[in-house]
Amino acid sequence: MTDAIWAPASDVEFLAYDGTRILGSSGTSFACPIVTGTVALMKSRNPNLTPREILDILRSSPTRLNITHKPPVLNNEPFLDIQHAVEEAIKKTDKPIQVAHSYPGQLQKQGNQLVLRMNRYAQPQNTGNPAHERQRQLMQTVPSDVWNAFAHGQFVSVFGWVTDQPNTLQMGSDTLPVDKIEVLDIEAIPAPELAEVGLAISGNSFNQTQVPDAGTDGFKVKVRGKNILANLGAPLAGLKLNFHETGSGSDLIQVTMDFAQSEEGLNNQGSEALFVLDPARDNLNRLRANKTYEVSVGGSNGTSNRVPFSVLNDTGDFGTLAVNNTPPGAEQLPINSYVYDKTGNRWLIPGQTLAVDAHDFVGIHFEQPIRNLEVKIGPVLVPIIDILENLAVIGIPDDLPAGVHDAVIKTSGETLTLEQVVSKATGVIAPYPEPAHVPPSTDPGQTKWLQVDNLSG
C-alpha cells in the first residue's frame, strides 16, 4: 500500500442531476472521481506536474487514517486533502504562493453574471490596488440551475481563489483575472463570529491596561473573527460595535463604524474590523475604568457572540503582557527610586540569560503600565520591590537554587513566561546559626541578637 491514497467513499453527499435535492451513497465509484477531480485541479494550477510529483503531493496530505477494522491493519495512511494538494501544486511553480479564502458579501445579479459586493464597497475606493477591490465577478463552477437559483441581494460567503497580481494564478492554459473569484463553494452566510477584541493604542493619553475613564479621549477598538460583514444594502449602513456591561442584558453603548475614518477599517475576508470611537459622538463617558465589558458586532448577517473586552499593546497585536527587549533609557528612570539606584544593568531581557546572586535587584521593562504583579523565578516566588508605571523591580531571594531558570510573570489575569532568563551561580545561602551565648540586653525582650548581611551577598 506504499502508493495508496484514501478518499471519501462512504456516505458521500452529492447534488442530484436536476439540482433540486441532495443525495447520498457509498462506494469506490465516488472515491475515484473525487481523486481524479483533485488531480485535474492540480494540473490546472501547474500543467508541468509529473505523475510522480502528483502522487507524492497526494500522499503528503496532513490528514491521516488508521485502518483497523479488517486486515491488513494500516497505520498513518494519507487521506485526500484537496486544498492541500492544490496549494502544494502551486508551490512547485515559480508563481507566488496562493491560497483559497472565504469572502463574505452580497450577491448582485448583472445579466447572466453574479457579482459579489464586498466590504470594500462600503469604504473609500483605492484605485490601482486589486487587494481593495470593491466587488468581484464570480466564475461559474456549478450547474446553471443551481447558479441561477441564487437571489439578487442575498448575503453569502464565497470560498474560492483570487489573485492580486495578473498572470500569477494558473487555470490550465489561462490565468485567473484579478477582478474575479474562482468559486469552490457558496453558502448562506452565518452570523459574525468574534474571536478577539482589544484596544488599539495610539499615543499614551490614558492607562493602557484600563478602559479610558470619562470618555475624554478617543480610541480605537479592533475586532478579529470571521463573517464580519458590513451592511452593503441601499442605503449603506455601518457595522455596529456593541458594548455590554458584564451580566447586563442590554447594550451599554452602540457605535456605528464610520467607513470614511480608515481605509483599513474592514477587510474583504471579513476577519478584522477597526472602529474609531469619538467621545463627542459615541457616549464614551458611559465607560468606566476597572469594569469588565463584553463586546459584540452587528452587521448585515446578524449579531455576533460576545467576547470580553481586553487591551492591545502599542504594536497593535493582541495581548497586553509583554517585556521590552531593551532596558529603559536613563530619562525613564526616576531618581531616588529602587529602579534608579539598585538595578544597575540587571534587567530581564527576553532571549537573554542574566547572571544574578542572592539579594540582587533586577528590573523588568514592560511594554505597558502594569499592576497586581507576581513573578516566579524557577520554583521561587520572588519579592516585588517597586512598580513605577511600566517598570518593576524584583529581588533575588536567598532560597533561589543555583542554575538557569524561567521567569513566569502574572499581572491582570495574564501570564507570560520568559525562558531561561535568570542564572544563579551559588546555591541557597544557609541561615546563620543562633549564637550559643546571647549577650545581655539593656532592653530585654526587644533585641535578642543582630545579624547584618551585605546586599551583594
Protein backbone atom coordinates (compact mmCIF):
# COMPACT_ATOMS: atom_id res chain seq x y z
CA MET A 1 0.00 0.00 0.00
CA THR A 2 3.03 2.26 -0.36
CA ASP A 3 1.46 4.41 -3.10
CA ALA A 4 -2.14 4.31 -1.84
CA ILE A 5 -4.24 7.40 -1.19
CA TRP A 6 -7.53 7.11 0.70
CA ALA A 7 -10.52 9.17 -0.43
CA PRO A 8 -14.21 9.65 0.56
CA ALA A 9 -16.34 6.64 -0.39
CA SER A 10 -18.78 6.23 2.49
CA ASP A 11 -22.00 8.26 2.86
CA VAL A 12 -20.92 10.69 0.14
CA GLU A 13 -23.39 13.52 -0.40
CA PHE A 14 -23.85 14.96 -3.89
CA LEU A 15 -26.22 17.20 -5.79
CA ALA A 16 -28.90 15.49 -7.89
CA TYR A 17 -28.58 15.98 -11.65
CA ASP A 18 -31.54 18.38 -11.65
CA GLY A 19 -30.05 20.46 -8.85
CA THR A 20 -33.14 20.20 -6.66
CA ARG A 21 -32.00 17.88 -3.87
CA ILE A 22 -29.05 16.30 -2.08
CA LEU A 23 -28.48 12.57 -2.49
CA GLY A 24 -26.10 10.20 -0.70
CA SER A 25 -24.47 6.87 -1.40
CA SER A 26 -21.26 4.85 -0.82
CA GLY A 27 -18.68 3.01 -2.91
CA THR A 28 -15.35 3.34 -4.67
CA SER A 29 -17.26 4.80 -7.62
CA PHE A 30 -17.26 8.03 -5.59
CA ALA A 31 -13.66 7.87 -4.40
CA CYS A 32 -12.20 7.55 -7.90
CA PRO A 33 -13.80 10.67 -9.46
CA ILE A 34 -13.04 12.75 -6.34
CA VAL A 35 -9.34 11.91 -6.66
CA THR A 36 -9.47 12.41 -10.43
CA GLY A 37 -11.06 15.83 -10.00
CA THR A 38 -8.39 16.77 -7.46
CA VAL A 39 -5.65 15.82 -9.92
CA ALA A 40 -7.38 17.91 -12.61
CA LEU A 41 -7.35 20.92 -10.28
CA MET A 42 -3.66 20.33 -9.52
CA LYS A 43 -2.82 20.13 -13.24
CA SER A 44 -4.85 23.26 -13.95
CA ARG A 45 -2.68 25.17 -11.45
CA ASN A 46 0.56 23.54 -12.58
CA PRO A 47 0.38 21.84 -16.00
CA ASN A 48 4.03 20.72 -15.69
CA LEU A 49 3.44 18.33 -12.79
CA THR A 50 4.72 14.79 -13.41
CA PRO A 51 2.74 11.70 -12.33
CA ARG A 52 5.32 11.02 -9.61
CA GLU A 53 5.00 14.59 -8.28
CA ILE A 54 1.21 14.29 -8.26
CA LEU A 55 1.30 11.07 -6.27
CA ASP A 56 3.84 12.45 -3.82
CA ILE A 57 1.68 15.54 -3.23
CA LEU A 58 -1.47 13.46 -2.73
CA ARG A 59 0.30 11.25 -0.21
CA SER A 60 1.74 14.25 1.65
CA SER A 61 -1.76 15.03 2.96
CA PRO A 62 -1.67 16.15 6.61
CA THR A 63 -4.88 14.18 7.24
CA ARG A 64 -4.10 10.59 8.27
CA LEU A 65 -6.11 7.40 8.91
CA ASN A 66 -5.57 4.22 10.90
CA ILE A 67 -7.29 1.23 9.23
CA THR A 68 -8.03 -1.40 11.88
CA HIS A 69 -11.47 -2.87 11.13
CA LYS A 70 -10.14 -5.61 8.81
CA PRO A 71 -6.76 -6.94 7.73
CA PRO A 72 -4.30 -5.80 6.74
CA VAL A 73 -4.06 -3.27 9.59
CA LEU A 74 -2.66 0.03 8.26
CA ASN A 75 -1.43 2.99 10.31
CA ASN A 76 -0.89 6.64 9.41
CA GLU A 77 -2.34 6.31 5.91
CA PRO A 78 -2.86 9.55 3.89
CA PHE A 79 -6.45 10.72 3.36
CA LEU A 80 -7.20 13.05 0.45
CA ASP A 81 -6.93 16.79 1.29
CA ILE A 82 -7.99 18.69 -1.83
CA GLN A 83 -6.95 22.18 -0.73
CA HIS A 84 -3.56 20.96 0.48
CA ALA A 85 -2.97 19.17 -2.82
CA VAL A 86 -3.77 22.21 -4.94
CA GLU A 87 -1.67 24.55 -2.80
CA GLU A 88 1.30 22.15 -2.97
CA ALA A 89 0.93 22.04 -6.76
CA ILE A 90 1.23 25.83 -6.87
CA LYS A 91 4.36 25.73 -4.69
CA LYS A 92 6.13 23.74 -7.40
CA THR A 93 5.75 26.65 -9.86
CA ASP A 94 7.68 29.90 -9.97
CA LYS A 95 4.47 31.80 -9.12
CA PRO A 96 3.72 33.45 -5.75
CA ILE A 97 2.09 31.17 -3.20
CA GLN A 98 -1.71 31.44 -3.40
CA VAL A 99 -4.38 30.05 -1.08
CA ALA A 100 -8.15 29.95 -1.21
CA HIS A 101 -10.09 32.16 1.21
CA SER A 102 -13.67 32.86 2.30
CA TYR A 103 -15.18 36.16 1.25
CA PRO A 104 -18.47 37.32 2.80
CA GLY A 105 -20.57 39.69 0.76
CA GLN A 106 -23.81 40.48 -1.04
CA LEU A 107 -24.71 38.94 -4.39
CA GLN A 108 -25.62 41.23 -7.28
CA LYS A 109 -27.10 39.84 -10.49
CA GLN A 110 -25.84 41.66 -13.57
CA GLY A 111 -27.43 39.94 -16.56
CA ASN A 112 -26.18 36.34 -16.55
CA GLN A 113 -23.32 37.20 -14.22
CA LEU A 114 -23.11 37.01 -10.44
CA VAL A 115 -21.04 39.70 -8.74
CA LEU A 116 -20.03 39.65 -5.08
CA ARG A 117 -20.19 43.09 -3.49
CA MET A 118 -17.62 43.01 -0.68
CA ASN A 119 -16.77 45.04 2.42
CA ARG A 120 -14.56 47.39 0.43
CA TYR A 121 -17.70 48.55 -1.35
CA ALA A 122 -18.60 50.46 1.79
CA GLN A 123 -15.14 52.00 2.13
CA PRO A 124 -13.07 54.51 0.16
CA GLN A 125 -12.05 53.30 -3.29
CA ASN A 126 -8.34 52.54 -3.53
CA THR A 127 -7.79 52.56 -7.27
CA GLY A 128 -4.97 50.52 -8.68
CA ASN A 129 -4.79 48.07 -5.77
CA PRO A 130 -6.63 44.80 -6.54
CA ALA A 131 -6.46 43.85 -2.83
CA HIS A 132 -9.01 46.61 -2.24
CA GLU A 133 -11.48 45.62 -4.96
CA ARG A 134 -14.99 46.74 -4.10
CA GLN A 135 -16.57 43.80 -5.92
CA ARG A 136 -15.52 40.79 -7.95
CA GLN A 137 -17.26 38.71 -10.58
CA LEU A 138 -17.86 35.07 -9.66
CA MET A 139 -16.68 32.42 -12.11
CA GLN A 140 -19.42 29.83 -12.53
CA THR A 141 -18.28 26.38 -11.37
CA VAL A 142 -21.64 24.71 -10.59
CA PRO A 143 -24.59 23.73 -12.85
CA SER A 144 -26.62 26.60 -14.28
CA ASP A 145 -29.84 25.63 -12.49
CA VAL A 146 -28.02 25.88 -9.16
CA TRP A 147 -26.20 29.04 -10.21
CA ASN A 148 -29.38 30.76 -11.30
CA ALA A 149 -31.12 29.91 -8.02
CA PHE A 150 -29.01 32.44 -6.13
CA ALA A 151 -31.02 35.57 -5.40
CA HIS A 152 -30.08 39.17 -6.06
CA GLY A 153 -29.20 40.85 -2.75
CA GLN A 154 -28.54 37.55 -0.94
CA PHE A 155 -25.79 37.61 1.71
CA VAL A 156 -23.39 34.71 1.20
CA SER A 157 -19.90 33.52 1.98
CA VAL A 158 -17.91 32.57 -1.13
CA PHE A 159 -14.93 30.25 -0.71
CA GLY A 160 -12.59 30.46 -3.64
CA TRP A 161 -9.39 31.59 -5.30
CA VAL A 162 -8.46 35.18 -6.03
CA THR A 163 -5.25 36.83 -7.12
CA ASP A 164 -3.99 40.35 -6.58
CA GLN A 165 -1.44 40.17 -9.40
CA PRO A 166 -2.20 39.45 -13.08
CA ASN A 167 -0.83 36.32 -14.73
CA THR A 168 0.12 34.63 -11.46
CA LEU A 169 -2.60 32.03 -10.75
CA GLN A 170 -2.71 29.37 -13.46
CA MET A 171 -6.02 27.97 -14.75
CA GLY A 172 -4.94 25.38 -17.28
CA SER A 173 -3.73 27.37 -20.29
CA ASP A 174 -5.13 30.62 -18.89
CA THR A 175 -4.67 32.67 -15.70
CA LEU A 176 -7.20 33.99 -13.19
CA PRO A 177 -8.11 37.65 -13.75
CA VAL A 178 -7.63 39.97 -10.77
CA ASP A 179 -11.29 41.04 -10.78
CA LYS A 180 -12.77 37.52 -10.46
CA ILE A 181 -13.20 34.77 -7.89
CA GLU A 182 -12.87 31.15 -8.98
CA VAL A 183 -15.63 29.67 -6.82
CA LEU A 184 -15.15 26.49 -4.82
CA ASP A 185 -18.21 26.84 -2.60
CA ILE A 186 -21.05 29.25 -1.82
CA GLU A 187 -23.18 29.14 1.30
CA ALA A 188 -25.62 31.38 3.11
CA ILE A 189 -23.60 33.44 5.50
CA PRO A 190 -23.93 32.73 9.23
CA ALA A 191 -23.79 35.42 11.90
CA PRO A 192 -20.45 37.09 12.65
CA GLU A 193 -18.18 35.17 14.99
CA LEU A 194 -15.73 37.07 17.16
CA ALA A 195 -12.51 35.54 18.48
CA GLU A 196 -10.63 38.57 19.87
CA VAL A 197 -11.41 42.16 20.81
CA GLY A 198 -8.92 44.72 22.04
CA LEU A 199 -7.98 48.34 22.38
CA ALA A 200 -5.78 49.67 19.58
CA ILE A 201 -3.49 52.20 21.24
CA SER A 202 -2.32 55.37 19.52
CA GLY A 203 -0.45 57.62 21.90
CA ASN A 204 -0.40 57.38 25.68
CA SER A 205 -3.28 59.63 26.70
CA PHE A 206 -4.70 57.02 29.07
CA ASN A 207 -3.66 53.95 31.03
CA GLN A 208 -3.32 51.16 28.51
CA THR A 209 -4.40 48.49 30.98
CA GLN A 210 -7.80 50.07 31.62
CA VAL A 211 -10.83 51.21 29.70
CA PRO A 212 -10.47 55.02 29.26
CA ASP A 213 -12.33 56.84 32.02
CA ALA A 214 -14.95 59.56 31.43
CA GLY A 215 -14.70 59.31 27.66
CA THR A 216 -12.38 62.29 27.38
CA ASP A 217 -10.11 60.56 24.84
CA GLY A 218 -10.99 58.97 21.56
CA PHE A 219 -9.64 55.48 20.97
CA LYS A 220 -9.77 52.60 18.53
CA VAL A 221 -11.17 49.13 19.04
CA LYS A 222 -10.06 46.24 16.83
CA VAL A 223 -12.07 43.03 16.47
CA ARG A 224 -10.97 39.78 14.85
CA GLY A 225 -13.03 36.78 13.84
CA LYS A 226 -14.93 35.69 10.74
CA ASN A 227 -18.03 36.62 8.71
CA ILE A 228 -17.73 40.27 9.79
CA LEU A 229 -19.83 41.86 7.07
CA ALA A 230 -20.87 45.47 6.58
CA ASN A 231 -24.41 46.34 5.58
CA LEU A 232 -23.99 46.64 1.82
CA GLY A 233 -27.63 47.39 1.03
CA ALA A 234 -29.05 50.72 -0.04
CA PRO A 235 -28.52 52.99 1.73
CA LEU A 236 -25.21 51.76 3.13
CA ALA A 237 -25.24 51.28 6.89
CA GLY A 238 -22.20 50.87 9.05
CA LEU A 239 -21.13 47.84 11.00
CA LYS A 240 -22.12 48.24 14.66
CA LEU A 241 -19.94 47.66 17.73
CA ASN A 242 -21.94 46.93 20.88
CA PHE A 243 -20.57 47.34 24.42
CA HIS A 244 -22.30 45.40 27.18
CA GLU A 245 -21.52 45.58 30.87
CA THR A 246 -20.84 42.04 32.06
CA GLY A 247 -24.03 40.46 33.37
CA SER A 248 -26.28 43.04 31.71
CA GLY A 249 -28.81 42.09 29.07
CA SER A 250 -28.88 45.48 27.34
CA ASP A 251 -26.44 47.46 25.23
CA LEU A 252 -24.38 49.98 27.16
CA ILE A 253 -23.05 51.72 24.06
CA GLN A 254 -23.61 51.09 20.36
CA VAL A 255 -21.01 52.53 17.97
CA THR A 256 -21.52 52.63 14.20
CA MET A 257 -18.40 52.29 12.08
CA ASP A 258 -17.53 55.43 10.16
CA PHE A 259 -16.17 53.96 6.94
CA ALA A 260 -14.51 57.23 5.98
CA GLN A 261 -12.27 57.06 9.05
CA SER A 262 -9.95 54.29 7.95
CA GLU A 263 -9.01 52.68 4.66
CA GLU A 264 -8.05 49.59 6.64
CA GLY A 265 -11.18 49.59 8.79
CA LEU A 266 -12.74 46.42 7.37
CA ASN A 267 -11.08 43.78 5.21
CA ASN A 268 -12.68 41.83 2.39
CA GLN A 269 -12.19 38.48 4.10
CA GLY A 270 -14.44 39.58 6.98
CA SER A 271 -11.77 38.64 9.52
CA GLU A 272 -10.92 42.03 11.02
CA ALA A 273 -12.51 45.42 11.66
CA LEU A 274 -11.22 48.63 13.21
CA PHE A 275 -13.63 51.05 14.92
CA VAL A 276 -12.66 54.66 15.60
CA LEU A 277 -14.56 55.85 18.69
CA ASP A 278 -15.27 59.55 19.05
CA PRO A 279 -16.06 60.94 22.54
CA ALA A 280 -18.25 63.66 21.04
CA ARG A 281 -20.40 61.15 19.19
CA ASP A 282 -20.32 57.80 20.94
CA ASN A 283 -21.23 58.44 24.62
CA LEU A 284 -17.86 57.16 25.81
CA ASN A 285 -18.47 58.73 29.20
CA ARG A 286 -20.61 55.67 29.96
CA LEU A 287 -17.45 53.53 30.04
CA ARG A 288 -15.69 53.37 33.40
CA ALA A 289 -12.25 52.19 34.40
CA ASN A 290 -11.82 48.97 36.39
CA LYS A 291 -15.00 47.44 34.99
CA THR A 292 -15.36 44.40 32.77
CA TYR A 293 -17.17 44.74 29.47
CA GLU A 294 -18.25 42.44 26.69
CA VAL A 295 -18.30 43.38 23.02
CA SER A 296 -20.33 42.11 20.08
CA VAL A 297 -20.56 43.14 16.44
CA GLY A 298 -23.74 43.55 14.42
CA GLY A 299 -23.82 43.55 10.62
CA SER A 300 -25.94 42.54 7.67
CA ASN A 301 -25.82 38.90 8.74
CA GLY A 302 -26.87 39.34 12.37
CA THR A 303 -25.12 39.92 15.69
CA SER A 304 -22.05 38.04 16.86
CA ASN A 305 -21.25 36.29 20.09
CA ARG A 306 -19.95 38.40 22.99
CA VAL A 307 -16.29 38.36 23.98
CA PRO A 308 -14.61 40.07 26.97
CA PHE A 309 -13.08 43.46 26.38
CA SER A 310 -9.27 43.23 26.55
CA VAL A 311 -6.42 45.60 25.67
CA LEU A 312 -3.91 45.86 22.84
CA ASN A 313 -0.29 46.91 23.26
CA ASP A 314 1.43 49.67 21.27
CA THR A 315 2.27 47.36 18.38
CA GLY A 316 -1.40 46.65 17.71
CA ASP A 317 -1.04 42.94 18.50
CA PHE A 318 -3.49 41.24 20.81
CA GLY A 319 -2.30 40.66 24.37
CA THR A 320 -1.23 43.23 26.94
CA LEU A 321 1.57 41.46 28.77
CA ALA A 322 4.94 41.93 27.05
CA VAL A 323 8.50 42.64 28.21
CA ASN A 324 10.68 45.08 26.27
CA ASN A 325 13.76 43.72 24.51
CA THR A 326 15.89 46.64 25.74
CA PRO A 327 16.44 48.29 29.16
CA PRO A 328 14.80 51.69 29.67
CA GLY A 329 16.72 54.85 28.84
CA ALA A 330 18.19 56.98 31.62
CA GLU A 331 15.41 59.54 31.16
CA GLN A 332 12.84 56.87 32.13
CA LEU A 333 14.47 56.07 35.48
CA PRO A 334 13.17 58.23 38.35
CA ILE A 335 15.98 59.48 40.61
CA ASN A 336 15.97 58.25 44.23
CA SER A 337 13.98 55.14 43.39
CA TYR A 338 14.90 51.46 43.54
CA VAL A 339 14.74 51.38 39.75
CA TYR A 340 17.39 54.12 39.53
CA ASP A 341 19.60 53.18 42.49
CA LYS A 342 19.62 49.40 42.69
CA THR A 343 19.06 47.68 39.34
CA GLY A 344 22.18 48.94 37.54
CA ASN A 345 22.44 46.96 34.33
CA ARG A 346 20.45 44.00 35.65
CA TRP A 347 17.30 43.76 33.51
CA LEU A 348 15.30 40.73 32.40
CA ILE A 349 15.53 40.66 28.60
CA PRO A 350 13.60 38.04 26.57
CA GLY A 351 16.00 35.61 24.90
CA GLN A 352 18.97 36.56 27.14
CA THR A 353 20.24 34.97 30.36
CA LEU A 354 21.04 37.33 33.25
CA ALA A 355 23.58 36.24 35.91
CA VAL A 356 22.35 37.09 39.42
CA ASP A 357 23.06 36.24 43.04
CA ALA A 358 21.12 36.46 46.27
CA HIS A 359 20.00 39.96 47.30
CA ASP A 360 20.45 41.40 43.79
CA PHE A 361 17.80 43.77 42.49
CA VAL A 362 16.57 43.09 38.93
CA GLY A 363 14.46 45.35 36.73
CA ILE A 364 11.68 44.40 34.29
CA HIS A 365 10.85 46.85 31.49
CA PHE A 366 7.26 46.15 30.37
CA GLU A 367 5.80 47.50 27.15
CA GLN A 368 2.82 48.95 29.02
CA PRO A 369 1.91 50.00 32.57
CA ILE A 370 1.25 47.05 34.86
CA ARG A 371 -0.35 46.32 38.22
CA ASN A 372 -1.02 43.34 40.52
CA LEU A 373 2.36 41.88 39.63
CA GLU A 374 3.52 38.37 40.56
CA VAL A 375 6.88 36.95 39.45
CA LYS A 376 8.11 33.40 39.95
CA ILE A 377 11.70 32.51 39.06
CA GLY A 378 12.23 28.78 38.90
CA PRO A 379 10.42 27.32 41.94
CA VAL A 380 10.55 30.53 43.98
CA LEU A 381 8.03 33.37 44.19
CA VAL A 382 10.24 36.47 44.36
CA PRO A 383 9.52 39.74 46.21
CA ILE A 384 8.24 42.75 44.25
CA ILE A 385 10.30 45.72 45.44
CA ASP A 386 8.77 48.55 43.40
CA ILE A 387 6.43 49.28 40.46
CA LEU A 388 6.59 52.54 38.52
CA GLU A 389 4.17 52.57 35.56
CA ASN A 390 5.81 50.09 33.13
CA LEU A 391 8.94 49.48 35.27
CA ALA A 392 9.20 46.95 38.07
CA VAL A 393 11.98 45.87 40.44
CA ILE A 394 12.20 42.37 41.89
CA GLY A 395 14.57 40.95 44.48
CA ILE A 396 16.58 37.72 44.20
CA PRO A 397 15.96 35.77 47.42
CA ASP A 398 18.32 33.51 49.39
CA ASP A 399 16.36 30.36 48.62
CA LEU A 400 16.58 30.53 44.82
CA PRO A 401 18.52 27.38 43.82
CA ALA A 402 21.62 27.57 41.65
CA GLY A 403 21.04 27.02 37.93
CA VAL A 404 19.28 28.57 34.93
CA HIS A 405 15.59 29.37 35.48
CA ASP A 406 12.50 30.55 33.61
CA ALA A 407 10.60 33.61 34.84
CA VAL A 408 6.81 33.32 34.99
CA ILE A 409 5.17 36.75 35.16
CA LYS A 410 1.49 37.28 36.02
CA THR A 411 -0.47 40.52 36.02
CA SER A 412 -4.10 41.48 35.44
CA GLY A 413 -5.14 37.91 34.64
CA GLU A 414 -2.42 37.34 32.03
CA THR A 415 0.66 35.11 32.20
CA LEU A 416 3.95 35.46 30.35
CA THR A 417 6.87 33.00 30.53
CA LEU A 418 10.41 34.16 29.73
CA GLU A 419 12.51 31.07 29.19
CA GLN A 420 15.98 30.71 30.73
CA VAL A 421 16.40 34.39 31.60
CA VAL A 422 17.96 34.04 35.07
CA SER A 423 21.17 32.21 36.00
CA LYS A 424 22.23 31.88 39.65
CA ALA A 425 25.72 30.58 40.28
CA THR A 426 25.65 29.88 44.03
CA GLY A 427 23.28 27.65 45.93
CA VAL A 428 20.90 28.50 48.72
CA ILE A 429 22.56 30.57 51.45
CA ALA A 430 22.32 28.71 54.76
CA PRO A 431 20.90 30.76 57.64
CA TYR A 432 23.31 31.92 60.32
CA PRO A 433 23.16 29.72 63.44
CA GLU A 434 21.83 31.41 66.53
CA PRO A 435 24.69 32.09 68.99
CA ALA A 436 25.01 29.66 71.90
CA HIS A 437 25.54 32.56 74.30
CA VAL A 438 23.40 35.66 73.88
CA PRO A 439 24.89 38.81 75.42
CA PRO A 440 22.64 40.54 77.94
CA SER A 441 20.47 43.28 76.51
CA THR A 442 19.89 46.66 78.06
CA ASP A 443 16.26 46.26 76.98
CA PRO A 444 15.34 42.58 77.47
CA GLY A 445 12.66 41.27 75.12
CA GLN A 446 13.33 43.90 72.42
CA THR A 447 16.58 42.66 70.88
CA LYS A 448 17.88 39.12 71.14
CA TRP A 449 20.74 39.34 68.64
CA LEU A 450 21.55 41.20 65.46
CA GLN A 451 22.51 39.82 62.04
CA VAL A 452 23.89 42.08 59.24
CA ASP A 453 24.11 40.92 55.62
CA ASN A 454 25.98 42.59 52.80
CA LEU A 455 23.46 43.22 50.00
CA SER A 456 25.96 41.95 47.44
CA GLY A 457 25.98 38.56 49.16
